[in-house]
Amino acid sequence: MPSTIYYVQECPTCGRNLQVRVKYLGKNVVCQHCSAEFEACDPNSAVYPPSESSLSLLERVDELIETATRSSIGLGNSTTASR
């Protein structure tokens, strides 16, 4: 009996790690935890996460927060005192 090969991919919606069969690469799959639909893709590839994935959006948010913190725009830090 041939064994099934899986890889681990994070659900772009709920963030849980899922075992996805290799034969589903490039196809839409559904998360068994939150029922979100997303494209199964290799997390080690250069095209991960897919552009429509919320993971890419979350990465962009992290970049913007880091940029704001470095440029002292501040997230709740005010450089002027009110009188």
PDB file of N, CA and C in Angstrom:
ATOM      1  N   MET A   1       0.852  -1.182   0.000  1.00  0.00           N
ATOM      2  CA  MET A   1       0.000   0.000   0.000  1.00  0.00           C
ATOM      3  C   MET A   1       0.895   1.242   0.000  1.00  0.00           C
ATOM      4  N   PRO A   2       0.721   2.137  -0.971  1.00  0.00           N
ATOM      5  CA  PRO A   2       1.550   3.343  -1.019  1.00  0.00           C
ATOM      6  C   PRO A   2       1.189   4.293   0.130  1.00  0.00           C
ATOM      7  N   SER A   3       2.226   4.927   0.674  1.00  0.00           N
ATOM      8  CA  SER A   3       1.968   5.873   1.762  1.00  0.00           C
ATOM      9  C   SER A   3       1.672   7.259   1.185  1.00  0.00           C
ATOM     10  N   THR A   4       0.849   7.993   1.877  1.00  0.00           N
ATOM     11  CA  THR A   4       0.479   9.336   1.457  1.00  0.00           C
ATOM     12  C   THR A   4       1.515  10.316   1.995  1.00  0.00           C
ATOM     13  N   ILE A   5       1.938  11.261   1.172  1.00  0.00           N
ATOM     14  CA  ILE A   5       2.934  12.248   1.581  1.00  0.00           C
ATOM     15  C   ILE A   5       2.222  13.565   1.882  1.00  0.00           C
ATOM     16  N   TYR A   6       2.528  14.113   3.056  1.00  0.00           N
ATOM     17  CA  TYR A   6       1.939  15.364   3.513  1.00  0.00           C
ATOM     18  C   TYR A   6       3.035  16.409   3.707  1.00  0.00           C
ATOM     19  N   TYR A   7       2.642  17.652   3.704  1.00  0.00           N
ATOM     20  CA  TYR A   7       3.505  18.742   4.146  1.00  0.00           C
ATOM     21  C   TYR A   7       2.660  19.609   5.056  1.00  0.00           C
ATOM     22  N   VAL A   8       3.299  20.461   5.818  1.00  0.00           N
ATOM     23  CA  VAL A   8       2.583  21.305   6.768  1.00  0.00           C
ATOM     24  C   VAL A   8       2.443  22.703   6.182  1.00  0.00           C
ATOM     25  N   GLN A   9       1.214  23.225   6.219  1.00  0.00           N
ATOM     26  CA  GLN A   9       0.946  24.590   5.772  1.00  0.00           C
ATOM     27  C   GLN A   9       0.067  25.256   6.807  1.00  0.00           C
ATOM     28  N   GLU A  10       0.346  26.500   7.080  1.00  0.00           N
ATOM     29  CA  GLU A  10      -0.453  27.273   8.023  1.00  0.00           C
ATOM     30  C   GLU A  10      -1.700  27.795   7.335  1.00  0.00           C
ATOM     31  N   CYS A  11      -2.842  27.687   8.007  1.00  0.00           N
ATOM     32  CA  CYS A  11      -4.073  28.262   7.463  1.00  0.00           C
ATOM     33  C   CYS A  11      -3.930  29.780   7.489  1.00  0.00           C
ATOM     34  N   PRO A  12      -4.160  30.458   6.366  1.00  0.00           N
ATOM     35  CA  PRO A  12      -4.018  31.909   6.327  1.00  0.00           C
ATOM     36  C   PRO A  12      -5.082  32.644   7.133  1.00  0.00           C
ATOM     37  N   THR A  13      -6.132  31.960   7.551  1.00  0.00           N
ATOM     38  CA  THR A  13      -7.199  32.608   8.309  1.00  0.00           C
ATOM     39  C   THR A  13      -7.043  32.403   9.808  1.00  0.00           C
ATOM     40  N   CYS A  14      -6.929  31.146  10.238  1.00  0.00           N
ATOM     41  CA  CYS A  14      -6.880  30.882  11.686  1.00  0.00           C
ATOM     42  C   CYS A  14      -5.469  30.635  12.203  1.00  0.00           C
ATOM     43  N   GLY A  15      -4.506  30.421  11.306  1.00  0.00           N
ATOM     44  CA  GLY A  15      -3.122  30.266  11.710  1.00  0.00           C
ATOM     45  C   GLY A  15      -2.726  28.877  12.188  1.00  0.00           C
ATOM     46  N   ARG A  16      -3.628  27.931  12.159  1.00  0.00           N
ATOM     47  CA  ARG A  16      -3.296  26.577  12.599  1.00  0.00           C
ATOM     48  C   ARG A  16      -2.502  25.851  11.525  1.00  0.00           C
ATOM     49  N   ASN A  17      -1.597  24.992  11.964  1.00  0.00           N
ATOM     50  CA  ASN A  17      -0.824  24.180  11.028  1.00  0.00           C
ATOM     51  C   ASN A  17      -1.662  23.003  10.567  1.00  0.00           C
ATOM     52  N   LEU A  18      -1.681  22.790   9.273  1.00  0.00           N
ATOM     53  CA  LEU A  18      -2.481  21.722   8.680  1.00  0.00           C
ATOM     54  C   LEU A  18      -1.582  20.777   7.899  1.00  0.00           C
ATOM     55  N   GLN A  19      -1.894  19.512   7.938  1.00  0.00           N
ATOM     56  CA  GLN A  19      -1.213  18.544   7.087  1.00  0.00           C
ATOM     57  C   GLN A  19      -1.981  18.479   5.775  1.00  0.00           C
ATOM     58  N   VAL A  20      -1.301  18.838   4.706  1.00  0.00           N
ATOM     59  CA  VAL A  20      -1.925  18.883   3.383  1.00  0.00           C
ATOM     60  C   VAL A  20      -1.250  17.828   2.510  1.00  0.00           C
ATOM     61  N   ARG A  21      -2.035  17.050   1.819  1.00  0.00           N
ATOM     62  CA  ARG A  21      -1.469  16.062   0.896  1.00  0.00           C
ATOM     63  C   ARG A  21      -0.786  16.778  -0.258  1.00  0.00           C
ATOM     64  N   VAL A  22       0.375  16.273  -0.633  1.00  0.00           N
ATOM     65  CA  VAL A  22       1.154  16.872  -1.715  1.00  0.00           C
ATOM     66  C   VAL A  22       0.347  16.948  -3.004  1.00  0.00           C
ATOM     67  N   LYS A  23      -0.526  15.980  -3.225  1.00  0.00           N
ATOM     68  CA  LYS A  23      -1.302  15.980  -4.471  1.00  0.00           C
ATOM     69  C   LYS A  23      -2.253  17.178  -4.570  1.00  0.00           C
ATOM     70  N   TYR A  24      -2.473  17.911  -3.469  1.00  0.00           N
ATOM     71  CA  TYR A  24      -3.357  19.075  -3.486  1.00  0.00           C
ATOM     72  C   TYR A  24      -2.613  20.391  -3.727  1.00  0.00           C
ATOM     73  N   LEU A  25      -1.291  20.348  -3.926  1.00  0.00           N
ATOM     74  CA  LEU A  25      -0.531  21.570  -4.201  1.00  0.00           C
ATOM     75  C   LEU A  25      -1.131  22.320  -5.384  1.00  0.00           C
ATOM     76  N   GLY A  26      -1.331  23.614  -5.214  1.00  0.00           N
ATOM     77  CA  GLY A  26      -1.880  24.445  -6.284  1.00  0.00           C
ATOM     78  C   GLY A  26      -3.387  24.414  -6.389  1.00  0.00           C
ATOM     79  N   LYS A  27      -4.039  23.636  -5.540  1.00  0.00           N
ATOM     80  CA  LYS A  27      -5.504  23.534  -5.570  1.00  0.00           C
ATOM     81  C   LYS A  27      -6.090  24.199  -4.331  1.00  0.00           C
ATOM     82  N   ASN A  28      -7.355  24.564  -4.428  1.00  0.00           N
ATOM     83  CA  ASN A  28      -8.036  25.142  -3.270  1.00  0.00           C
ATOM     84  C   ASN A  28      -8.416  24.037  -2.290  1.00  0.00           C
ATOM     85  N   VAL A  29      -8.131  24.279  -1.026  1.00  0.00           N
ATOM     86  CA  VAL A  29      -8.466  23.341   0.047  1.00  0.00           C
ATOM     87  C   VAL A  29      -9.229  24.101   1.121  1.00  0.00           C
ATOM     88  N   VAL A  30      -9.831  23.366   2.040  1.00  0.00           N
ATOM     89  CA  VAL A  30     -10.618  23.975   3.108  1.00  0.00           C
ATOM     90  C   VAL A  30     -10.005  23.588   4.446  1.00  0.00           C
ATOM     91  N   CYS A  31      -9.809  24.565   5.316  1.00  0.00           N
ATOM     92  CA  CYS A  31      -9.270  24.317   6.653  1.00  0.00           C
ATOM     93  C   CYS A  31     -10.291  23.517   7.455  1.00  0.00           C
ATOM     94  N   GLN A  32      -9.834  22.450   8.076  1.00  0.00           N
ATOM     95  CA  GLN A  32     -10.736  21.608   8.863  1.00  0.00           C
ATOM     96  C   GLN A  32     -11.128  22.264  10.179  1.00  0.00           C
ATOM     97  N   HIS A  33     -10.439  23.331  10.577  1.00  0.00           N
ATOM     98  CA  HIS A  33     -10.724  23.991  11.848  1.00  0.00           C
ATOM     99  C   HIS A  33     -11.683  25.170  11.706  1.00  0.00           C
ATOM    100  N   CYS A  34     -11.428  26.033  10.701  1.00  0.00           N
ATOM    101  CA  CYS A  34     -12.235  27.251  10.573  1.00  0.00           C
ATOM    102  C   CYS A  34     -13.045  27.313   9.281  1.00  0.00           C
ATOM    103  N   SER A  35     -12.903  26.318   8.428  1.00  0.00           N
ATOM    104  CA  SER A  35     -13.619  26.210   7.149  1.00  0.00           C
ATOM    105  C   SER A  35     -13.233  27.260   6.118  1.00  0.00           C
ATOM    106  N   ALA A  36     -12.084  27.919   6.321  1.00  0.00           N
ATOM    107  CA  ALA A  36     -11.614  28.893   5.337  1.00  0.00           C
ATOM    108  C   ALA A  36     -11.079  28.154   4.112  1.00  0.00           C
ATOM    109  N   GLU A  37     -11.296  28.725   2.947  1.00  0.00           N
ATOM    110  CA  GLU A  37     -10.781  28.147   1.712  1.00  0.00           C
ATOM    111  C   GLU A  37      -9.527  28.906   1.301  1.00  0.00           C
ATOM    112  N   PHE A  38      -8.486  28.178   0.924  1.00  0.00           N
ATOM    113  CA  PHE A  38      -7.240  28.800   0.498  1.00  0.00           C
ATOM    114  C   PHE A  38      -6.504  27.866  -0.453  1.00  0.00           C
ATOM    115  N   GLU A  39      -5.493  28.409  -1.135  1.00  0.00           N
ATOM    116  CA  GLU A  39      -4.718  27.615  -2.075  1.00  0.00           C
ATOM    117  C   GLU A  39      -3.610  26.873  -1.338  1.00  0.00           C
ATOM    118  N   ALA A  40      -3.528  25.578  -1.571  1.00  0.00           N
ATOM    119  CA  ALA A  40      -2.453  24.777  -0.986  1.00  0.00           C
ATOM    120  C   ALA A  40      -1.175  25.077  -1.758  1.00  0.00           C
ATOM    121  N   CYS A  41      -0.156  25.550  -1.052  1.00  0.00           N
ATOM    122  CA  CYS A  41       1.111  25.857  -1.712  1.00  0.00           C
ATOM    123  C   CYS A  41       2.261  25.558  -0.767  1.00  0.00           C
ATOM    124  N   ASP A  42       3.417  25.348  -1.336  1.00  0.00           N
ATOM    125  CA  ASP A  42       4.603  24.990  -0.570  1.00  0.00           C
ATOM    126  C   ASP A  42       5.085  26.206   0.219  1.00  0.00           C
ATOM    127  N   PRO A  43       5.098  26.134   1.552  1.00  0.00           N
ATOM    128  CA  PRO A  43       5.549  27.261   2.360  1.00  0.00           C
ATOM    129  C   PRO A  43       7.014  27.618   2.140  1.00  0.00           C
ATOM    130  N   ASN A  44       7.798  26.722   1.562  1.00  0.00           N
ATOM    131  CA  ASN A  44       9.216  26.994   1.311  1.00  0.00           C
ATOM    132  C   ASN A  44       9.468  27.604  -0.059  1.00  0.00           C
ATOM    133  N   SER A  45       8.403  27.790  -0.851  1.00  0.00           N
ATOM    134  CA  SER A  45       8.588  28.345  -2.187  1.00  0.00           C
ATOM    135  C   SER A  45       8.634  29.864  -2.141  1.00  0.00           C
ATOM    136  N   ALA A  46       9.145  30.456  -3.197  1.00  0.00           N
ATOM    137  CA  ALA A  46       9.257  31.913  -3.280  1.00  0.00           C
ATOM    138  C   ALA A  46       7.903  32.586  -3.440  1.00  0.00           C
ATOM    139  N   VAL A  47       6.886  31.850  -3.846  1.00  0.00           N
ATOM    140  CA  VAL A  47       5.569  32.449  -4.069  1.00  0.00           C
ATOM    141  C   VAL A  47       4.640  32.278  -2.864  1.00  0.00           C
ATOM    142  N   TYR A  48       5.209  31.890  -1.721  1.00  0.00           N
ATOM    143  CA  TYR A  48       4.391  31.723  -0.517  1.00  0.00           C
ATOM    144  C   TYR A  48       4.548  32.947   0.347  1.00  0.00           C
ATOM    145  N   PRO A  49       3.492  33.484   0.894  1.00  0.00           N
ATOM    146  CA  PRO A  49       2.102  33.094   0.727  1.00  0.00           C
ATOM    147  C   PRO A  49       1.528  33.660  -0.559  1.00  0.00           C
ATOM    148  N   PRO A  50       0.452  33.063  -1.071  1.00  0.00           N
ATOM    149  CA  PRO A  50      -0.189  33.595  -2.275  1.00  0.00           C
ATOM    150  C   PRO A  50      -0.634  35.036  -2.045  1.00  0.00           C
ATOM    151  N   SER A  51      -0.667  35.830  -3.088  1.00  0.00           N
ATOM    152  CA  SER A  51      -0.990  37.251  -2.950  1.00  0.00           C
ATOM    153  C   SER A  51      -2.363  37.492  -2.346  1.00  0.00           C
ATOM    154  N   GLU A  52      -3.312  36.589  -2.549  1.00  0.00           N
ATOM    155  CA  GLU A  52      -4.655  36.780  -1.999  1.00  0.00           C
ATOM    156  C   GLU A  52      -4.779  36.280  -0.557  1.00  0.00           C
ATOM    157  N   SER A  53      -3.693  35.762  -0.025  1.00  0.00           N
ATOM    158  CA  SER A  53      -3.709  35.206   1.320  1.00  0.00           C
ATOM    159  C   SER A  53      -3.695  36.301   2.373  1.00  0.00           C
ATOM    160  N   SER A  54      -4.387  36.064   3.468  1.00  0.00           N
ATOM    161  CA  SER A  54      -4.336  37.021   4.567  1.00  0.00           C
ATOM    162  C   SER A  54      -2.980  36.989   5.245  1.00  0.00           C
ATOM    163  N   LEU A  55      -2.196  35.941   5.040  1.00  0.00           N
ATOM    164  CA  LEU A  55      -0.848  35.908   5.598  1.00  0.00           C
ATOM    165  C   LEU A  55       0.004  37.009   4.991  1.00  0.00           C
ATOM    166  N   SER A  56      -0.115  37.241   3.671  1.00  0.00           N
ATOM    167  CA  SER A  56       0.662  38.308   3.053  1.00  0.00           C
ATOM    168  C   SER A  56       0.208  39.661   3.579  1.00  0.00           C
ATOM    169  N   LEU A  57      -1.057  39.810   3.861  1.00  0.00           N
ATOM    170  CA  LEU A  57      -1.565  41.047   4.446  1.00  0.00           C
ATOM    171  C   LEU A  57      -1.006  41.241   5.846  1.00  0.00           C
ATOM    172  N   LEU A  58      -0.972  40.184   6.648  1.00  0.00           N
ATOM    173  CA  LEU A  58      -0.422  40.276   7.992  1.00  0.00           C
ATOM    174  C   LEU A  58       1.065  40.597   7.965  1.00  0.00           C
ATOM    175  N   GLU A  59       1.799  40.036   7.012  1.00  0.00           N
ATOM    176  CA  GLU A  59       3.211  40.364   6.880  1.00  0.00           C
ATOM    177  C   GLU A  59       3.385  41.842   6.550  1.00  0.00           C
ATOM    178  N   ARG A  60       2.530  42.375   5.684  1.00  0.00           N
ATOM    179  CA  ARG A  60       2.596  43.799   5.322  1.00  0.00           C
ATOM    180  C   ARG A  60       2.288  44.668   6.538  1.00  0.00           C
ATOM    181  N   VAL A  61       1.330  44.274   7.359  1.00  0.00           N
ATOM    182  CA  VAL A  61       1.011  45.025   8.576  1.00  0.00           C
ATOM    183  C   VAL A  61       2.223  45.053   9.496  1.00  0.00           C
ATOM    184  N   ASP A  62       2.872  43.901   9.665  1.00  0.00           N
ATOM    185  CA  ASP A  62       4.071  43.843  10.497  1.00  0.00           C
ATOM    186  C   ASP A  62       5.158  44.773   9.973  1.00  0.00           C
ATOM    187  N   GLU A  63       5.337  44.816   8.645  1.00  0.00           N
ATOM    188  CA  GLU A  63       6.327  45.708   8.048  1.00  0.00           C
ATOM    189  C   GLU A  63       5.995  47.164   8.345  1.00  0.00           C
ATOM    190  N   LEU A  64       4.734  47.541   8.209  1.00  0.00           N
ATOM    191  CA  LEU A  64       4.329  48.921   8.456  1.00  0.00           C
ATOM    192  C   LEU A  64       4.504  49.310   9.918  1.00  0.00           C
ATOM    193  N   ILE A  65       4.186  48.399  10.821  1.00  0.00           N
ATOM    194  CA  ILE A  65       4.370  48.681  12.255  1.00  0.00           C
ATOM    195  C   ILE A  65       5.853  48.873  12.557  1.00  0.00           C
ATOM    196  N   GLU A  66       6.697  48.021  12.001  1.00  0.00           N
ATOM    197  CA  GLU A  66       8.134  48.137  12.229  1.00  0.00           C
ATOM    198  C   GLU A  66       8.669  49.452  11.671  1.00  0.00           C
ATOM    199  N   THR A  67       8.224  49.824  10.483  1.00  0.00           N
ATOM    200  CA  THR A  67       8.651  51.087   9.874  1.00  0.00           C
ATOM    201  C   THR A  67       8.211  52.270  10.720  1.00  0.00           C
ATOM    202  N   ALA A  68       6.975  52.244  11.199  1.00  0.00           N
ATOM    203  CA  ALA A  68       6.462  53.336  12.036  1.00  0.00           C
ATOM    204  C   ALA A  68       7.236  53.430  13.340  1.00  0.00           C
ATOM    205  N   THR A  69       7.578  52.298  13.910  1.00  0.00           N
ATOM    206  CA  THR A  69       8.319  52.285  15.168  1.00  0.00           C
ATOM    207  C   THR A  69       9.722  52.848  14.963  1.00  0.00           C
ATOM    208  N   ARG A  70      10.381  52.437  13.881  1.00  0.00           N
ATOM    209  CA  ARG A  70      11.733  52.915  13.606  1.00  0.00           C
ATOM    210  C   ARG A  70      11.768  54.401  13.291  1.00  0.00           C
ATOM    211  N   SER A  71      10.753  54.911  12.619  1.00  0.00           N
ATOM    212  CA  SER A  71      10.760  56.322  12.229  1.00  0.00           C
ATOM    213  C   SER A  71      10.183  57.217  13.313  1.00  0.00           C
ATOM    214  N   SER A  72       9.914  56.644  14.457  1.00  0.00           N
ATOM    215  CA  SER A  72       9.373  57.328  15.633  1.00  0.00           C
ATOM    216  C   SER A  72       8.058  58.054  15.363  1.00  0.00           C
ATOM    217  N   ILE A  73       7.302  57.567  14.378  1.00  0.00           N
ATOM    218  CA  ILE A  73       5.937  58.050  14.220  1.00  0.00           C
ATOM    219  C   ILE A  73       5.217  57.715  15.508  1.00  0.00           C
ATOM    220  N   GLY A  74       5.591  56.580  16.036  1.00  0.00           N
ATOM    221  CA  GLY A  74       5.082  56.164  17.334  1.00  0.00           C
ATOM    222  C   GLY A  74       3.700  55.586  17.253  1.00  0.00           C
ATOM    223  N   LEU A  75       3.519  54.593  18.015  1.00  0.00           N
ATOM    224  CA  LEU A  75       2.209  53.985  18.159  1.00  0.00           C
ATOM    225  C   LEU A  75       1.763  54.284  19.577  1.00  0.00           C
ATOM    226  N   GLY A  76       1.267  55.496  19.790  1.00  0.00           N
ATOM    227  CA  GLY A  76       0.844  55.902  21.124  1.00  0.00           C
ATOM    228  C   GLY A  76       1.907  56.736  21.821  1.00  0.00           C
ATOM    229  N   ASN A  77       3.057  56.982  21.178  1.00  0.00           N
ATOM    230  CA  ASN A  77       4.114  57.807  21.764  1.00  0.00           C
ATOM    231  C   ASN A  77       4.048  59.182  21.132  1.00  0.00           C
ATOM    232  N   SER A  78       3.827  60.173  21.926  1.00  0.00           N
ATOM    233  CA  SER A  78       3.746  61.522  21.428  1.00  0.00           C
ATOM    234  C   SER A  78       5.047  62.251  21.776  1.00  0.00           C
ATOM    235  N   THR A  79       5.602  63.007  20.825  1.00  0.00           N
ATOM    236  CA  THR A  79       6.845  63.743  21.068  1.00  0.00           C
ATOM    237  C   THR A  79       6.562  65.167  21.506  1.00  0.00           C
ATOM    238  N   THR A  80       5.304  65.592  21.467  1.00  0.00           N
ATOM    239  CA  THR A  80       4.985  66.948  21.917  1.00  0.00           C
ATOM    240  C   THR A  80       4.124  66.865  23.161  1.00  0.00           C
ATOM    241  N   ALA A  81       4.382  67.760  24.060  1.00  0.00           N
ATOM    242  CA  ALA A  81       3.609  67.789  25.310  1.00  0.00           C
ATOM    243  C   ALA A  81       2.492  68.795  25.167  1.00  0.00           C
ATOM    244  N   SER A  82       1.322  68.435  25.636  1.00  0.00           N
ATOM    245  CA  SER A  82       0.200  69.370  25.592  1.00  0.00           C
ATOM    246  C   SER A  82       0.147  70.149  26.886  1.00  0.00           C
ATOM    247  N   ARG A  83      -0.214  71.429  26.804  1.00  0.00           N
ATOM    248  CA  ARG A  83      -0.302  72.282  27.999  1.00  0.00           C
ATOM    249  C   ARG A  83      -1.720  72.642  28.284  1.00  0.00           C
TER     250      ARG A  83
END
